[in-house]
Amino acid sequence: MHEDGNGGGRRGEPEALPSGAHPEFPALERELTVFLRRARANQTEMAREVHPELESAAYGLLVRLDECGRQRATELAAYIGVGKATMSRQLRALEELGLVAREPDPADGRAWLVHLTDEGSRRVSRVREARRARYVSKLSHWNPDEVAELARLLHQLNQGLEK
């Protein structure tokens, strides 16, 4: 039985599958459940490494800003999948922690652009480098082609889930 407790159907019964589904899908569901649970726990840990008071959900915002640079709050909200009120609350908290700042959008004086502060950038970079080092350590026994294939398949999965 896997750590998620979802070892299959009821005692010995096969799991019910949607019409046309291949039998590999229950195994995929179990493994994704375990992976996502671990990813959430890992995100909480990384958020605390950036700042002890940082909410887990806000870590993704910092990574997005690190990767893409200045963004409007509405763009961040759409990317993360939250409403304007939630985004405003998270950004206020990040500003209070000194991790992000806002500036007027030169293209639209009514809008604001959010960006990492120098301190925010340093902290996020440090945590991301440490995370990559953990991946390298945990997957050191993998063939580099397998790592590349995993990245390709996860990208394909993410693209498919966006549609």
C-alpha atoms as a PDB file:
ATOM      1  CA  MET A   1       0.000   0.000   0.000  1.00  0.00           C
ATOM      2  CA  HIS A   2       1.242   3.497  -0.779  1.00  0.00           C
ATOM      3  CA  GLU A   3       1.653   6.169   1.860  1.00  0.00           C
ATOM      4  CA  ASP A   4      -1.467   7.944   0.642  1.00  0.00           C
ATOM      5  CA  GLY A   5      -3.603   5.049   1.822  1.00  0.00           C
ATOM      6  CA  ASN A   6      -5.212   4.628  -1.601  1.00  0.00           C
ATOM      7  CA  GLY A   7      -4.139   1.078  -2.310  1.00  0.00           C
ATOM      8  CA  GLY A   8      -6.858   0.466  -4.866  1.00  0.00           C
ATOM      9  CA  GLY A   9     -10.512  -0.453  -4.751  1.00  0.00           C
ATOM     10  CA  ARG A  10     -12.297  -2.117  -1.855  1.00  0.00           C
ATOM     11  CA  ARG A  11     -10.434  -5.160  -0.562  1.00  0.00           C
ATOM     12  CA  GLY A  12      -9.468  -7.058  -3.641  1.00  0.00           C
ATOM     13  CA  GLU A  13     -11.974  -5.421  -5.961  1.00  0.00           C
ATOM     14  CA  PRO A  14     -10.581  -3.718  -9.070  1.00  0.00           C
ATOM     15  CA  GLU A  15     -10.984   0.037  -9.201  1.00  0.00           C
ATOM     16  CA  ALA A  16     -13.798   1.381 -11.337  1.00  0.00           C
ATOM     17  CA  LEU A  17     -12.472   3.216 -14.390  1.00  0.00           C
ATOM     18  CA  PRO A  18     -14.207   5.713 -16.658  1.00  0.00           C
ATOM     19  CA  SER A  19     -15.215   4.287 -20.007  1.00  0.00           C
ATOM     20  CA  GLY A  20     -12.210   3.952 -22.315  1.00  0.00           C
ATOM     21  CA  ALA A  21      -9.627   4.549 -19.537  1.00  0.00           C
ATOM     22  CA  HIS A  22      -6.521   2.400 -19.443  1.00  0.00           C
ATOM     23  CA  PRO A  23      -5.738   0.457 -16.248  1.00  0.00           C
ATOM     24  CA  GLU A  24      -2.575   2.547 -15.733  1.00  0.00           C
ATOM     25  CA  PHE A  25      -4.625   5.539 -14.571  1.00  0.00           C
ATOM     26  CA  PRO A  26      -5.229   4.362 -10.964  1.00  0.00           C
ATOM     27  CA  ALA A  27      -1.451   3.946 -10.532  1.00  0.00           C
ATOM     28  CA  LEU A  28      -0.912   7.405 -12.031  1.00  0.00           C
ATOM     29  CA  GLU A  29      -3.490   8.881  -9.660  1.00  0.00           C
ATOM     30  CA  ARG A  30      -1.844   7.233  -6.622  1.00  0.00           C
ATOM     31  CA  GLU A  31       1.654   8.399  -7.569  1.00  0.00           C
ATOM     32  CA  LEU A  32       0.501  11.947  -8.354  1.00  0.00           C
ATOM     33  CA  THR A  33      -1.305  12.083  -4.994  1.00  0.00           C
ATOM     34  CA  VAL A  34       1.883  11.134  -3.153  1.00  0.00           C
ATOM     35  CA  PHE A  35       3.977  13.500  -5.283  1.00  0.00           C
ATOM     36  CA  LEU A  36       1.620  16.447  -4.735  1.00  0.00           C
ATOM     37  CA  ARG A  37       1.433  15.844  -0.978  1.00  0.00           C
ATOM     38  CA  ARG A  38       5.227  15.871  -0.803  1.00  0.00           C
ATOM     39  CA  ALA A  39       5.404  18.948  -3.042  1.00  0.00           C
ATOM     40  CA  ARG A  40       3.016  20.853  -0.744  1.00  0.00           C
ATOM     41  CA  ALA A  41       5.084  19.941   2.311  1.00  0.00           C
ATOM     42  CA  ASN A  42       8.257  20.920   0.458  1.00  0.00           C
ATOM     43  CA  GLN A  43       6.737  24.259  -0.585  1.00  0.00           C
ATOM     44  CA  THR A  44       5.880  25.028   3.034  1.00  0.00           C
ATOM     45  CA  GLU A  45       9.472  24.270   4.024  1.00  0.00           C
ATOM     46  CA  MET A  46      10.875  26.444   1.224  1.00  0.00           C
ATOM     47  CA  ALA A  47       8.568  29.315   2.127  1.00  0.00           C
ATOM     48  CA  ARG A  48       9.853  29.199   5.717  1.00  0.00           C
ATOM     49  CA  GLU A  49      13.427  29.222   4.415  1.00  0.00           C
ATOM     50  CA  VAL A  50      12.704  32.432   2.482  1.00  0.00           C
ATOM     51  CA  HIS A  51      11.152  34.027   5.580  1.00  0.00           C
ATOM     52  CA  PRO A  52       9.795  32.413   8.770  1.00  0.00           C
ATOM     53  CA  GLU A  53       6.504  34.328   8.437  1.00  0.00           C
ATOM     54  CA  LEU A  54       5.959  33.578   4.733  1.00  0.00           C
ATOM     55  CA  GLU A  55       2.774  31.685   3.840  1.00  0.00           C
ATOM     56  CA  SER A  56       3.309  28.570   1.773  1.00  0.00           C
ATOM     57  CA  ALA A  57       1.062  29.808  -1.052  1.00  0.00           C
ATOM     58  CA  ALA A  58       3.087  33.015  -1.417  1.00  0.00           C
ATOM     59  CA  TYR A  59       6.248  31.103  -2.331  1.00  0.00           C
ATOM     60  CA  GLY A  60       4.879  30.473  -5.834  1.00  0.00           C
ATOM     61  CA  LEU A  61       4.377  34.208  -6.314  1.00  0.00           C
ATOM     62  CA  LEU A  62       7.984  34.892  -5.424  1.00  0.00           C
ATOM     63  CA  VAL A  63       9.209  32.218  -7.839  1.00  0.00           C
ATOM     64  CA  ARG A  64       7.029  33.647 -10.611  1.00  0.00           C
ATOM     65  CA  LEU A  65       8.430  37.130 -10.029  1.00  0.00           C
ATOM     66  CA  ASP A  66      11.953  35.711  -9.931  1.00  0.00           C
ATOM     67  CA  GLU A  67      11.425  34.001 -13.292  1.00  0.00           C
ATOM     68  CA  CYS A  68       9.381  36.665 -15.105  1.00  0.00           C
ATOM     69  CA  GLY A  69      10.296  39.955 -13.507  1.00  0.00           C
ATOM     70  CA  ARG A  70       7.781  42.739 -12.984  1.00  0.00           C
ATOM     71  CA  GLN A  71       4.139  41.688 -13.229  1.00  0.00           C
ATOM     72  CA  ARG A  72       0.747  43.232 -12.645  1.00  0.00           C
ATOM     73  CA  ALA A  73      -1.187  41.822  -9.710  1.00  0.00           C
ATOM     74  CA  THR A  74      -3.925  40.721 -12.129  1.00  0.00           C
ATOM     75  CA  GLU A  75      -1.373  38.711 -14.147  1.00  0.00           C
ATOM     76  CA  LEU A  76      -0.091  37.067 -10.981  1.00  0.00           C
ATOM     77  CA  ALA A  77      -3.617  36.264  -9.823  1.00  0.00           C
ATOM     78  CA  ALA A  78      -4.466  34.677 -13.173  1.00  0.00           C
ATOM     79  CA  TYR A  79      -1.253  32.643 -13.215  1.00  0.00           C
ATOM     80  CA  ILE A  80      -1.669  31.372  -9.647  1.00  0.00           C
ATOM     81  CA  GLY A  81      -5.435  30.930 -10.043  1.00  0.00           C
ATOM     82  CA  VAL A  82      -6.712  33.145  -7.243  1.00  0.00           C
ATOM     83  CA  GLY A  83      -8.994  36.173  -7.056  1.00  0.00           C
ATOM     84  CA  LYS A  84      -7.982  39.820  -6.790  1.00  0.00           C
ATOM     85  CA  ALA A  85      -8.754  40.014  -3.062  1.00  0.00           C
ATOM     86  CA  THR A  86      -6.567  37.003  -2.259  1.00  0.00           C
ATOM     87  CA  MET A  87      -3.773  38.353  -4.425  1.00  0.00           C
ATOM     88  CA  SER A  88      -3.960  41.794  -2.775  1.00  0.00           C
ATOM     89  CA  ARG A  89      -3.755  40.204   0.674  1.00  0.00           C
ATOM     90  CA  GLN A  90      -0.754  38.058  -0.294  1.00  0.00           C
ATOM     91  CA  LEU A  91       1.060  40.969  -1.928  1.00  0.00           C
ATOM     92  CA  ARG A  92       0.461  43.186   1.114  1.00  0.00           C
ATOM     93  CA  ALA A  93       1.975  40.499   3.335  1.00  0.00           C
ATOM     94  CA  LEU A  94       4.970  40.145   1.005  1.00  0.00           C
ATOM     95  CA  GLU A  95       5.469  43.921   0.999  1.00  0.00           C
ATOM     96  CA  GLU A  96       5.356  44.009   4.808  1.00  0.00           C
ATOM     97  CA  LEU A  97       8.064  41.321   4.883  1.00  0.00           C
ATOM     98  CA  GLY A  98      10.193  43.439   2.529  1.00  0.00           C
ATOM     99  CA  LEU A  99      10.215  40.793  -0.213  1.00  0.00           C
ATOM    100  CA  VAL A 100       8.276  42.659  -2.926  1.00  0.00           C
ATOM    101  CA  ALA A 101       7.584  46.261  -3.875  1.00  0.00           C
ATOM    102  CA  ARG A 102       5.127  47.973  -6.194  1.00  0.00           C
ATOM    103  CA  GLU A 103       5.696  50.713  -8.733  1.00  0.00           C
ATOM    104  CA  PRO A 104       3.381  52.482 -11.170  1.00  0.00           C
ATOM    105  CA  ASP A 105       3.002  50.757 -14.541  1.00  0.00           C
ATOM    106  CA  PRO A 106       4.437  53.145 -17.149  1.00  0.00           C
ATOM    107  CA  ALA A 107       2.027  51.704 -19.736  1.00  0.00           C
ATOM    108  CA  ASP A 108      -1.038  52.399 -17.547  1.00  0.00           C
ATOM    109  CA  GLY A 109      -0.862  54.946 -14.732  1.00  0.00           C
ATOM    110  CA  ARG A 110      -3.813  53.300 -12.965  1.00  0.00           C
ATOM    111  CA  ALA A 111      -2.042  49.942 -12.638  1.00  0.00           C
ATOM    112  CA  TRP A 112       0.907  48.814 -10.535  1.00  0.00           C
ATOM    113  CA  LEU A 113       3.777  46.460 -11.278  1.00  0.00           C
ATOM    114  CA  VAL A 114       5.019  44.138  -8.557  1.00  0.00           C
ATOM    115  CA  HIS A 115       8.659  43.072  -8.356  1.00  0.00           C
ATOM    116  CA  LEU A 116      11.055  41.373  -5.981  1.00  0.00           C
ATOM    117  CA  THR A 117      13.094  43.659  -3.786  1.00  0.00           C
ATOM    118  CA  ASP A 118      16.852  43.074  -3.697  1.00  0.00           C
ATOM    119  CA  GLU A 119      16.369  41.227  -0.406  1.00  0.00           C
ATOM    120  CA  GLY A 120      13.507  39.181  -1.853  1.00  0.00           C
ATOM    121  CA  SER A 121      15.605  38.266  -4.866  1.00  0.00           C
ATOM    122  CA  ARG A 122      18.551  37.181  -2.683  1.00  0.00           C
ATOM    123  CA  ARG A 123      16.358  35.029  -0.457  1.00  0.00           C
ATOM    124  CA  VAL A 124      14.430  33.384  -3.292  1.00  0.00           C
ATOM    125  CA  SER A 125      17.621  32.661  -5.243  1.00  0.00           C
ATOM    126  CA  ARG A 126      19.242  31.067  -2.188  1.00  0.00           C
ATOM    127  CA  VAL A 127      16.265  28.784  -1.566  1.00  0.00           C
ATOM    128  CA  ARG A 128      15.879  27.836  -5.231  1.00  0.00           C
ATOM    129  CA  GLU A 129      19.579  26.948  -5.483  1.00  0.00           C
ATOM    130  CA  ALA A 130      19.272  24.776  -2.370  1.00  0.00           C
ATOM    131  CA  ARG A 131      16.187  23.071  -3.839  1.00  0.00           C
ATOM    132  CA  ARG A 132      18.018  22.315  -7.087  1.00  0.00           C
ATOM    133  CA  ALA A 133      20.927  20.887  -5.098  1.00  0.00           C
ATOM    134  CA  ARG A 134      18.460  18.562  -3.319  1.00  0.00           C
ATOM    135  CA  TYR A 135      17.104  17.406  -6.691  1.00  0.00           C
ATOM    136  CA  VAL A 136      20.629  16.726  -7.911  1.00  0.00           C
ATOM    137  CA  SER A 137      21.385  14.763  -4.751  1.00  0.00           C
ATOM    138  CA  LYS A 138      18.135  12.757  -4.757  1.00  0.00           C
ATOM    139  CA  LEU A 139      18.353  11.937  -8.473  1.00  0.00           C
ATOM    140  CA  SER A 140      22.118  11.449  -8.722  1.00  0.00           C
ATOM    141  CA  HIS A 141      21.620   7.747  -9.495  1.00  0.00           C
ATOM    142  CA  TRP A 142      19.361   8.580 -12.450  1.00  0.00           C
ATOM    143  CA  ASN A 143      20.666   8.760 -15.967  1.00  0.00           C
ATOM    144  CA  PRO A 144      20.607  12.407 -17.191  1.00  0.00           C
ATOM    145  CA  ASP A 145      18.408  11.278 -20.112  1.00  0.00           C
ATOM    146  CA  GLU A 146      15.842   9.982 -17.591  1.00  0.00           C
ATOM    147  CA  VAL A 147      15.836  13.342 -15.790  1.00  0.00           C
ATOM    148  CA  ALA A 148      15.337  15.108 -19.128  1.00  0.00           C
ATOM    149  CA  GLU A 149      12.509  12.710 -20.017  1.00  0.00           C
ATOM    150  CA  LEU A 150      10.814  13.273 -16.661  1.00  0.00           C
ATOM    151  CA  ALA A 151      11.034  17.042 -17.177  1.00  0.00           C
ATOM    152  CA  ARG A 152       9.612  16.661 -20.696  1.00  0.00           C
ATOM    153  CA  LEU A 153       6.715  14.496 -19.493  1.00  0.00           C
ATOM    154  CA  LEU A 154       5.900  16.811 -16.583  1.00  0.00           C
ATOM    155  CA  HIS A 155       5.915  19.761 -18.991  1.00  0.00           C
ATOM    156  CA  GLN A 156       3.567  17.845 -21.279  1.00  0.00           C
ATOM    157  CA  LEU A 157       1.295  17.038 -18.317  1.00  0.00           C
ATOM    158  CA  ASN A 158       1.264  20.685 -17.189  1.00  0.00           C
ATOM    159  CA  GLN A 159       0.451  21.871 -20.705  1.00  0.00           C
ATOM    160  CA  GLY A 160      -2.398  19.372 -20.961  1.00  0.00           C
ATOM    161  CA  LEU A 161      -3.844  20.438 -17.612  1.00  0.00           C
ATOM    162  CA  GLU A 162      -3.959  24.098 -18.711  1.00  0.00           C
ATOM    163  CA  LYS A 163      -6.436  23.332 -21.491  1.00  0.00           C
END
